């Protein structure tokens, strides 16, 4: 998977991971992939809702130890 941009939100709690992702997506082109690394367990649910609300595709979600990895495709 070709990631175009990565945002590190480790240590940040809701709503900061979503806000940082939103800002990054605004700077990207349609079809590009954004990877967000978070430590907030609530981010799993938050990114699912964010993708539905904004029309961006949630391509993948993974849990790696204490980290939650979200990959979004810019609409």
PDB file of N, CA and C in Angstrom:
ATOM      1  N   UNK A   1       0.839  -1.179   0.000  1.00  0.00           N
ATOM      2  CA  UNK A   1       0.000   0.000   0.000  1.00  0.00           C
ATOM      3  C   UNK A   1       0.886   1.244   0.000  1.00  0.00           C
ATOM      4  N   UNK A   2       0.613   2.140  -0.937  1.00  0.00           N
ATOM      5  CA  UNK A   2       1.404   3.367  -1.077  1.00  0.00           C
ATOM      6  C   UNK A   2       0.782   4.485  -0.237  1.00  0.00           C
ATOM      7  N   UNK A   3       1.379   4.765   0.919  1.00  0.00           N
ATOM      8  CA  UNK A   3       0.891   5.820   1.803  1.00  0.00           C
ATOM      9  C   UNK A   3       1.462   7.156   1.319  1.00  0.00           C
ATOM     10  N   UNK A   4       0.589   8.144   1.117  1.00  0.00           N
ATOM     11  CA  UNK A   4       1.027   9.451   0.621  1.00  0.00           C
ATOM     12  C   UNK A   4       1.402  10.408   1.748  1.00  0.00           C
ATOM     13  N   UNK A   5       0.759  10.246   2.903  1.00  0.00           N
ATOM     14  CA  UNK A   5       1.035  11.135   4.029  1.00  0.00           C
ATOM     15  C   UNK A   5       0.766  10.374   5.315  1.00  0.00           C
ATOM     16  N   UNK A   6       1.550  10.668   6.359  1.00  0.00           N
ATOM     17  CA  UNK A   6       1.356  10.015   7.651  1.00  0.00           C
ATOM     18  C   UNK A   6       1.270  11.077   8.742  1.00  0.00           C
ATOM     19  N   UNK A   7       0.310  10.865   9.660  1.00  0.00           N
ATOM     20  CA  UNK A   7       0.125  11.780  10.780  1.00  0.00           C
ATOM     21  C   UNK A   7       0.291  10.982  12.071  1.00  0.00           C
ATOM     22  N   UNK A   8       1.156  11.472  12.951  1.00  0.00           N
ATOM     23  CA  UNK A   8       1.398  10.823  14.239  1.00  0.00           C
ATOM     24  C   UNK A   8       0.584  11.558  15.302  1.00  0.00           C
ATOM     25  N   UNK A   9      -0.429  10.870  15.849  1.00  0.00           N
ATOM     26  CA  UNK A   9      -1.256  11.483  16.897  1.00  0.00           C
ATOM     27  C   UNK A   9      -1.105  10.723  18.216  1.00  0.00           C
ATOM     28  N   UNK A  10       0.015  10.017  18.363  1.00  0.00           N
ATOM     29  CA  UNK A  10       0.254   9.274  19.610  1.00  0.00           C
ATOM     30  C   UNK A  10       0.243  10.231  20.796  1.00  0.00           C
ATOM     31  N   UNK A  11      -0.465   9.826  21.863  1.00  0.00           N
ATOM     32  CA  UNK A  11      -0.544  10.638  23.064  1.00  0.00           C
ATOM     33  C   UNK A  11      -1.659  11.673  23.050  1.00  0.00           C
ATOM     34  N   UNK A  12      -2.335  11.824  21.906  1.00  0.00           N
ATOM     35  CA  UNK A  12      -3.430  12.788  21.807  1.00  0.00           C
ATOM     36  C   UNK A  12      -4.765  12.077  21.969  1.00  0.00           C
ATOM     37  N   UNK A  13      -5.701  12.730  22.635  1.00  0.00           N
ATOM     38  CA  UNK A  13      -7.031  12.159  22.823  1.00  0.00           C
ATOM     39  C   UNK A  13      -8.048  12.870  21.948  1.00  0.00           C
ATOM     40  N   UNK A  14      -9.187  12.238  21.780  1.00  0.00           N
ATOM     41  CA  UNK A  14     -10.297  12.763  21.000  1.00  0.00           C
ATOM     42  C   UNK A  14     -10.591  14.198  21.439  1.00  0.00           C
ATOM     43  N   UNK A  15     -10.819  15.098  20.530  1.00  0.00           N
ATOM     44  CA  UNK A  15     -10.975  14.929  19.077  1.00  0.00           C
ATOM     45  C   UNK A  15      -9.719  15.239  18.278  1.00  0.00           C
ATOM     46  N   UNK A  16      -8.562  15.368  18.935  1.00  0.00           N
ATOM     47  CA  UNK A  16      -7.352  15.802  18.221  1.00  0.00           C
ATOM     48  C   UNK A  16      -6.912  14.884  17.071  1.00  0.00           C
ATOM     49  N   UNK A  17      -6.940  13.543  17.210  1.00  0.00           N
ATOM     50  CA  UNK A  17      -6.552  12.716  16.053  1.00  0.00           C
ATOM     51  C   UNK A  17      -7.431  12.980  14.815  1.00  0.00           C
ATOM     52  N   UNK A  18      -8.734  13.157  15.037  1.00  0.00           N
ATOM     53  CA  UNK A  18      -9.644  13.448  13.925  1.00  0.00           C
ATOM     54  C   UNK A  18      -9.346  14.817  13.319  1.00  0.00           C
ATOM     55  N   UNK A  19      -9.123  15.810  14.164  1.00  0.00           N
ATOM     56  CA  UNK A  19      -8.843  17.162  13.665  1.00  0.00           C
ATOM     57  C   UNK A  19      -7.552  17.197  12.852  1.00  0.00           C
ATOM     58  N   UNK A  20      -6.529  16.501  13.329  1.00  0.00           N
ATOM     59  CA  UNK A  20      -5.262  16.455  12.593  1.00  0.00           C
ATOM     60  C   UNK A  20      -5.432  15.713  11.261  1.00  0.00           C
ATOM     61  N   UNK A  21      -6.231  14.648  11.273  1.00  0.00           N
ATOM     62  CA  UNK A  21      -6.497  13.903  10.035  1.00  0.00           C
ATOM     63  C   UNK A  21      -7.263  14.773   9.048  1.00  0.00           C
ATOM     64  N   UNK A  22      -8.242  15.503   9.546  1.00  0.00           N
ATOM     65  CA  UNK A  22      -9.052  16.375   8.694  1.00  0.00           C
ATOM     66  C   UNK A  22      -8.176  17.433   8.020  1.00  0.00           C
ATOM     67  N   UNK A  23      -7.271  18.018   8.803  1.00  0.00           N
ATOM     68  CA  UNK A  23      -6.354  19.035   8.272  1.00  0.00           C
ATOM     69  C   UNK A  23      -5.434  18.433   7.203  1.00  0.00           C
ATOM     70  N   UNK A  24      -4.904  17.245   7.470  1.00  0.00           N
ATOM     71  CA  UNK A  24      -4.014  16.583   6.509  1.00  0.00           C
ATOM     72  C   UNK A  24      -4.758  16.236   5.229  1.00  0.00           C
ATOM     73  N   UNK A  25      -5.988  15.714   5.355  1.00  0.00           N
ATOM     74  CA  UNK A  25      -6.778  15.345   4.172  1.00  0.00           C
ATOM     75  C   UNK A  25      -7.073  16.562   3.304  1.00  0.00           C
ATOM     76  N   UNK A  26      -7.276  17.714   3.926  1.00  0.00           N
ATOM     77  CA  UNK A  26      -7.574  18.944   3.183  1.00  0.00           C
ATOM     78  C   UNK A  26      -6.405  19.351   2.282  1.00  0.00           C
ATOM     79  N   UNK A  27      -5.197  18.925   2.638  1.00  0.00           N
ATOM     80  CA  UNK A  27      -3.992  19.268   1.870  1.00  0.00           C
ATOM     81  C   UNK A  27      -3.653  18.211   0.825  1.00  0.00           C
ATOM     82  N   UNK A  28      -4.471  17.154   0.739  1.00  0.00           N
ATOM     83  CA  UNK A  28      -4.168  16.032  -0.152  1.00  0.00           C
ATOM     84  C   UNK A  28      -5.081  16.039  -1.373  1.00  0.00           C
ATOM     85  N   UNK A  29      -4.684  15.263  -2.393  1.00  0.00           N
ATOM     86  CA  UNK A  29      -5.475  15.129  -3.616  1.00  0.00           C
ATOM     87  C   UNK A  29      -6.393  13.917  -3.515  1.00  0.00           C
ATOM     88  N   UNK A  30      -7.450  13.939  -4.297  1.00  0.00           N
ATOM     89  CA  UNK A  30      -8.405  12.838  -4.328  1.00  0.00           C
ATOM     90  C   UNK A  30      -7.696  11.518  -4.646  1.00  0.00           C
ATOM     91  N   UNK A  31      -8.019  10.467  -3.875  1.00  0.00           N
ATOM     92  CA  UNK A  31      -7.432   9.142  -4.106  1.00  0.00           C
ATOM     93  C   UNK A  31      -6.170   8.871  -3.311  1.00  0.00           C
ATOM     94  N   UNK A  32      -5.566   9.907  -2.736  1.00  0.00           N
ATOM     95  CA  UNK A  32      -4.341   9.702  -1.960  1.00  0.00           C
ATOM     96  C   UNK A  32      -4.667   9.055  -0.620  1.00  0.00           C
ATOM     97  N   UNK A  33      -3.676   8.352  -0.049  1.00  0.00           N
ATOM     98  CA  UNK A  33      -3.864   7.640   1.210  1.00  0.00           C
ATOM     99  C   UNK A  33      -3.186   8.358   2.374  1.00  0.00           C
ATOM    100  N   UNK A  34      -3.933   8.455   3.475  1.00  0.00           N
ATOM    101  CA  UNK A  34      -3.435   9.052   4.708  1.00  0.00           C
ATOM    102  C   UNK A  34      -3.393   7.979   5.782  1.00  0.00           C
ATOM    103  N   UNK A  35      -2.253   7.862   6.449  1.00  0.00           N
ATOM    104  CA  UNK A  35      -2.107   6.927   7.567  1.00  0.00           C
ATOM    105  C   UNK A  35      -2.050   7.739   8.853  1.00  0.00           C
ATOM    106  N   UNK A  36      -2.894   7.361   9.814  1.00  0.00           N
ATOM    107  CA  UNK A  36      -2.927   8.037  11.111  1.00  0.00           C
ATOM    108  C   UNK A  36      -2.576   7.010  12.182  1.00  0.00           C
ATOM    109  N   UNK A  37      -1.575   7.317  12.993  1.00  0.00           N
ATOM    110  CA  UNK A  37      -1.181   6.446  14.102  1.00  0.00           C
ATOM    111  C   UNK A  37      -1.644   7.121  15.394  1.00  0.00           C
ATOM    112  N   UNK A  38      -2.468   6.402  16.169  1.00  0.00           N
ATOM    113  CA  UNK A  38      -3.039   6.961  17.392  1.00  0.00           C
ATOM    114  C   UNK A  38      -2.850   5.989  18.551  1.00  0.00           C
ATOM    115  N   UNK A  39      -2.955   6.521  19.770  1.00  0.00           N
ATOM    116  CA  UNK A  39      -2.916   5.673  20.966  1.00  0.00           C
ATOM    117  C   UNK A  39      -4.246   5.721  21.709  1.00  0.00           C
ATOM    118  N   UNK A  40      -5.177   6.526  21.235  1.00  0.00           N
ATOM    119  CA  UNK A  40      -6.502   6.657  21.845  1.00  0.00           C
ATOM    120  C   UNK A  40      -7.396   5.518  21.356  1.00  0.00           C
ATOM    121  N   UNK A  41      -7.811   4.632  22.279  1.00  0.00           N
ATOM    122  CA  UNK A  41      -8.647   3.483  21.906  1.00  0.00           C
ATOM    123  C   UNK A  41      -9.956   3.924  21.257  1.00  0.00           C
ATOM    124  N   UNK A  42     -10.453   5.088  21.631  1.00  0.00           N
ATOM    125  CA  UNK A  42     -11.692   5.605  21.050  1.00  0.00           C
ATOM    126  C   UNK A  42     -11.539   6.005  19.596  1.00  0.00           C
ATOM    127  N   UNK A  43     -10.298   6.110  19.127  1.00  0.00           N
ATOM    128  CA  UNK A  43     -10.073   6.537  17.742  1.00  0.00           C
ATOM    129  C   UNK A  43     -10.605   5.521  16.733  1.00  0.00           C
ATOM    130  N   UNK A  44     -10.692   4.251  17.117  1.00  0.00           N
ATOM    131  CA  UNK A  44     -11.214   3.221  16.201  1.00  0.00           C
ATOM    132  C   UNK A  44     -12.646   3.586  15.805  1.00  0.00           C
ATOM    133  N   UNK A  45     -13.468   3.814  16.794  1.00  0.00           N
ATOM    134  CA  UNK A  45     -14.868   4.183  16.555  1.00  0.00           C
ATOM    135  C   UNK A  45     -14.954   5.570  15.905  1.00  0.00           C
ATOM    136  N   UNK A  46     -14.117   6.499  16.366  1.00  0.00           N
ATOM    137  CA  UNK A  46     -14.142   7.868  15.846  1.00  0.00           C
ATOM    138  C   UNK A  46     -13.847   7.914  14.352  1.00  0.00           C
ATOM    139  N   UNK A  47     -12.844   7.150  13.902  1.00  0.00           N
ATOM    140  CA  UNK A  47     -12.487   7.180  12.485  1.00  0.00           C
ATOM    141  C   UNK A  47     -13.537   6.500  11.613  1.00  0.00           C
ATOM    142  N   UNK A  48     -14.231   5.497  12.150  1.00  0.00           N
ATOM    143  CA  UNK A  48     -15.330   4.870  11.411  1.00  0.00           C
ATOM    144  C   UNK A  48     -16.437   5.903  11.168  1.00  0.00           C
ATOM    145  N   UNK A  49     -16.796   6.644  12.206  1.00  0.00           N
ATOM    146  CA  UNK A  49     -17.833   7.675  12.091  1.00  0.00           C
ATOM    147  C   UNK A  49     -17.367   8.819  11.182  1.00  0.00           C
ATOM    148  N   UNK A  50     -16.099   9.223  11.327  1.00  0.00           N
ATOM    149  CA  UNK A  50     -15.545  10.302  10.517  1.00  0.00           C
ATOM    150  C   UNK A  50     -15.605   9.962   9.027  1.00  0.00           C
ATOM    151  N   UNK A  51     -15.243   8.732   8.691  1.00  0.00           N
ATOM    152  CA  UNK A  51     -15.263   8.306   7.285  1.00  0.00           C
ATOM    153  C   UNK A  51     -16.688   8.356   6.723  1.00  0.00           C
ATOM    154  N   UNK A  52     -17.652   7.878   7.488  1.00  0.00           N
ATOM    155  CA  UNK A  52     -19.053   7.912   7.044  1.00  0.00           C
ATOM    156  C   UNK A  52     -19.537   9.338   6.832  1.00  0.00           C
ATOM    157  N   UNK A  53     -19.200  10.213   7.755  1.00  0.00           N
ATOM    158  CA  UNK A  53     -19.681  11.598   7.701  1.00  0.00           C
ATOM    159  C   UNK A  53     -19.047  12.406   6.572  1.00  0.00           C
ATOM    160  N   UNK A  54     -17.780  12.128   6.273  1.00  0.00           N
ATOM    161  CA  UNK A  54     -17.055  12.957   5.301  1.00  0.00           C
ATOM    162  C   UNK A  54     -17.001  12.361   3.900  1.00  0.00           C
ATOM    163  N   UNK A  55     -17.319  11.079   3.766  1.00  0.00           N
ATOM    164  CA  UNK A  55     -17.248  10.438   2.450  1.00  0.00           C
ATOM    165  C   UNK A  55     -15.853   9.950   2.084  1.00  0.00           C
ATOM    166  N   UNK A  56     -14.888  10.125   2.997  1.00  0.00           N
ATOM    167  CA  UNK A  56     -13.562   9.557   2.765  1.00  0.00           C
ATOM    168  C   UNK A  56     -13.639   8.076   3.105  1.00  0.00           C
ATOM    169  N   UNK A  57     -12.894   7.245   2.358  1.00  0.00           N
ATOM    170  CA  UNK A  57     -12.952   5.797   2.562  1.00  0.00           C
ATOM    171  C   UNK A  57     -11.975   5.362   3.653  1.00  0.00           C
ATOM    172  N   UNK A  58     -12.485   4.595   4.617  1.00  0.00           N
ATOM    173  CA  UNK A  58     -11.629   4.003   5.637  1.00  0.00           C
ATOM    174  C   UNK A  58     -11.132   2.685   5.057  1.00  0.00           C
ATOM    175  N   UNK A  59      -9.907   2.693   4.562  1.00  0.00           N
ATOM    176  CA  UNK A  59      -9.351   1.553   3.841  1.00  0.00           C
ATOM    177  C   UNK A  59      -8.965   0.431   4.800  1.00  0.00           C
ATOM    178  N   UNK A  60      -8.394   0.809   5.943  1.00  0.00           N
ATOM    179  CA  UNK A  60      -7.868  -0.200   6.867  1.00  0.00           C
ATOM    180  C   UNK A  60      -7.781   0.351   8.277  1.00  0.00           C
ATOM    181  N   UNK A  61      -8.005  -0.546   9.253  1.00  0.00           N
ATOM    182  CA  UNK A  61      -7.756  -0.236  10.658  1.00  0.00           C
ATOM    183  C   UNK A  61      -7.031  -1.425  11.262  1.00  0.00           C
ATOM    184  N   UNK A  62      -5.975  -1.125  12.008  1.00  0.00           N
ATOM    185  CA  UNK A  62      -5.188  -2.185  12.664  1.00  0.00           C
ATOM    186  C   UNK A  62      -4.893  -1.764  14.094  1.00  0.00           C
ATOM    187  N   UNK A  63      -4.724  -2.771  14.933  1.00  0.00           N
ATOM    188  CA  UNK A  63      -4.235  -2.522  16.280  1.00  0.00           C
ATOM    189  C   UNK A  63      -2.876  -3.187  16.376  1.00  0.00           C
ATOM    190  N   UNK A  64      -1.865  -2.400  16.746  1.00  0.00           N
ATOM    191  CA  UNK A  64      -0.505  -2.916  16.885  1.00  0.00           C
ATOM    192  C   UNK A  64      -0.032  -2.585  18.295  1.00  0.00           C
ATOM    193  N   UNK A  65      -0.252  -3.520  19.212  1.00  0.00           N
ATOM    194  CA  UNK A  65       0.110  -3.264  20.606  1.00  0.00           C
ATOM    195  C   UNK A  65      -0.783  -2.178  21.179  1.00  0.00           C
ATOM    196  N   UNK A  66      -0.180  -1.061  21.560  1.00  0.00           N
ATOM    197  CA  UNK A  66      -0.930   0.057  22.149  1.00  0.00           C
ATOM    198  C   UNK A  66      -1.310   1.100  21.102  1.00  0.00           C
ATOM    199  N   UNK A  67      -0.990   0.816  19.840  1.00  0.00           N
ATOM    200  CA  UNK A  67      -1.241   1.785  18.779  1.00  0.00           C
ATOM    201  C   UNK A  67      -2.375   1.332  17.873  1.00  0.00           C
ATOM    202  N   UNK A  68      -3.102   2.321  17.377  1.00  0.00           N
ATOM    203  CA  UNK A  68      -4.210   2.086  16.453  1.00  0.00           C
ATOM    204  C   UNK A  68      -3.856   2.789  15.152  1.00  0.00           C
ATOM    205  N   UNK A  69      -3.878   2.025  14.068  1.00  0.00           N
ATOM    206  CA  UNK A  69      -3.464   2.546  12.777  1.00  0.00           C
ATOM    207  C   UNK A  69      -4.698   2.617  11.879  1.00  0.00           C
ATOM    208  N   UNK A  70      -4.906   3.808  11.308  1.00  0.00           N
ATOM    209  CA  UNK A  70      -6.065   4.047  10.449  1.00  0.00           C
ATOM    210  C   UNK A  70      -5.532   4.524   9.106  1.00  0.00           C
ATOM    211  N   UNK A  71      -6.068   3.956   8.021  1.00  0.00           N
ATOM    212  CA  UNK A  71      -5.685   4.383   6.682  1.00  0.00           C
ATOM    213  C   UNK A  71      -6.948   4.872   5.976  1.00  0.00           C
ATOM    214  N   UNK A  72      -6.918   6.121   5.543  1.00  0.00           N
ATOM    215  CA  UNK A  72      -8.045   6.751   4.860  1.00  0.00           C
ATOM    216  C   UNK A  72      -7.667   7.107   3.435  1.00  0.00           C
ATOM    217  N   UNK A  73      -8.628   6.952   2.512  1.00  0.00           N
ATOM    218  CA  UNK A  73      -8.427   7.382   1.127  1.00  0.00           C
ATOM    219  C   UNK A  73      -9.221   8.674   0.931  1.00  0.00           C
ATOM    220  N   UNK A  74      -8.521   9.717   0.499  1.00  0.00           N
ATOM    221  CA  UNK A  74      -9.160  11.024   0.283  1.00  0.00           C
ATOM    222  C   UNK A  74     -10.191  10.908  -0.812  1.00  0.00           C
ATOM    223  N   UNK A  75     -11.378  11.436  -0.555  1.00  0.00           N
ATOM    224  CA  UNK A  75     -12.459  11.366  -1.559  1.00  0.00           C
ATOM    225  C   UNK A  75     -12.210  12.320  -2.702  1.00  0.00           C
TER     226      UNK A  75
END
